[in-house]
């Protein structure tokens, strides 16, 4: 396996796990009011670092994927209004 492929897989894994962590933190607000701002700050910084390290085509792909989650017609949105993350 080449170093470039390993690097790509590492960034993919870090991005996915960071988005997962941010989602869990976000929905903790609704259940326990125990969301921690530090989790959001560090998660955002990690995503920023990963985003800057991606090549332009992959940056566009990541933005498109994230925007799709927040669209009104998203399968993740039951009340047909925009998310307010």
Protein backbone atom coordinates (compact mmCIF):
# COMPACT_ATOMS: atom_id res chain seq x y z
CA UNK A 1 0.00 0.00 0.00
CA UNK A 2 1.45 3.35 -0.99
CA UNK A 3 2.06 6.20 1.43
CA UNK A 4 -0.39 8.42 -0.48
CA UNK A 5 -3.17 5.85 -0.10
CA UNK A 6 -2.41 5.42 3.60
CA UNK A 7 -2.53 9.20 4.08
CA UNK A 8 -5.87 9.41 2.24
CA UNK A 9 -7.34 6.63 4.37
CA UNK A 10 -6.08 8.28 7.56
CA UNK A 11 -7.68 11.61 6.66
CA UNK A 12 -10.94 9.89 5.72
CA UNK A 13 -11.03 8.06 9.04
CA UNK A 14 -10.19 11.18 11.07
CA UNK A 15 -12.87 13.24 9.27
CA UNK A 16 -15.54 10.57 9.73
CA UNK A 17 -14.77 10.02 13.40
CA UNK A 18 -14.62 13.75 14.11
CA UNK A 19 -18.00 14.32 12.44
CA UNK A 20 -19.38 11.43 14.47
CA UNK A 21 -17.99 12.94 17.68
CA UNK A 22 -19.44 16.37 16.87
CA UNK A 23 -22.82 14.81 16.13
CA UNK A 24 -22.86 12.97 19.43
CA UNK A 25 -21.88 16.14 21.27
CA UNK A 26 -24.55 18.13 19.45
CA UNK A 27 -27.33 15.76 20.38
CA UNK A 28 -26.16 15.54 23.98
CA UNK A 29 -27.59 19.07 24.29
CA UNK A 30 -31.11 17.69 23.89
CA UNK A 31 -30.80 14.91 26.44
CA UNK A 32 -28.63 16.03 29.32
CA UNK A 33 -27.52 19.62 28.73
CA UNK A 34 -23.95 18.32 29.07
CA UNK A 35 -22.51 19.37 25.75
CA UNK A 36 -18.94 20.59 26.11
CA UNK A 37 -17.77 23.58 24.10
CA UNK A 38 -14.21 22.24 24.15
CA UNK A 39 -15.33 19.16 22.17
CA UNK A 40 -16.77 21.43 19.46
CA UNK A 41 -13.71 23.66 19.40
CA UNK A 42 -11.22 20.80 19.10
CA UNK A 43 -13.42 18.92 16.62
CA UNK A 44 -13.74 22.01 14.45
CA UNK A 45 -9.99 22.56 14.53
CA UNK A 46 -9.33 18.93 13.56
CA UNK A 47 -11.72 19.22 10.61
CA UNK A 48 -10.08 22.48 9.57
CA UNK A 49 -6.61 20.90 9.57
CA UNK A 50 -7.83 17.88 7.61
CA UNK A 51 -9.72 20.08 5.14
CA UNK A 52 -6.64 22.18 4.39
CA UNK A 53 -4.58 19.03 3.81
CA UNK A 54 -7.03 17.63 1.22
CA UNK A 55 -6.60 18.28 -2.48
CA UNK A 56 -9.18 20.69 -4.01
CA UNK A 57 -11.38 17.97 -5.53
CA UNK A 58 -11.71 16.20 -2.20
CA UNK A 59 -12.39 19.51 -0.44
CA UNK A 60 -15.31 20.13 -2.78
CA UNK A 61 -16.58 16.60 -2.23
CA UNK A 62 -16.46 17.02 1.56
CA UNK A 63 -18.32 20.34 1.43
CA UNK A 64 -20.97 18.86 -0.86
CA UNK A 65 -21.46 15.91 1.50
CA UNK A 66 -21.80 18.10 4.58
CA UNK A 67 -24.17 20.52 2.83
CA UNK A 68 -26.37 17.60 1.77
CA UNK A 69 -26.86 16.65 5.41
CA UNK A 70 -28.18 20.14 6.13
CA UNK A 71 -30.50 20.46 3.10
CA UNK A 72 -34.23 20.72 3.67
CA UNK A 73 -34.88 17.63 1.56
CA UNK A 74 -32.29 15.57 3.42
CA UNK A 75 -33.44 12.13 4.58
CA UNK A 76 -31.98 13.10 7.95
CA UNK A 77 -34.38 16.01 8.37
CA UNK A 78 -37.91 15.00 9.37
CA UNK A 79 -39.41 18.41 10.09
CA UNK A 80 -38.45 19.94 6.69
CA UNK A 81 -36.72 22.92 8.26
CA UNK A 82 -33.04 23.74 8.20
CA UNK A 83 -30.80 22.49 10.96
CA UNK A 84 -29.40 25.13 13.27
CA UNK A 85 -26.08 23.59 14.14
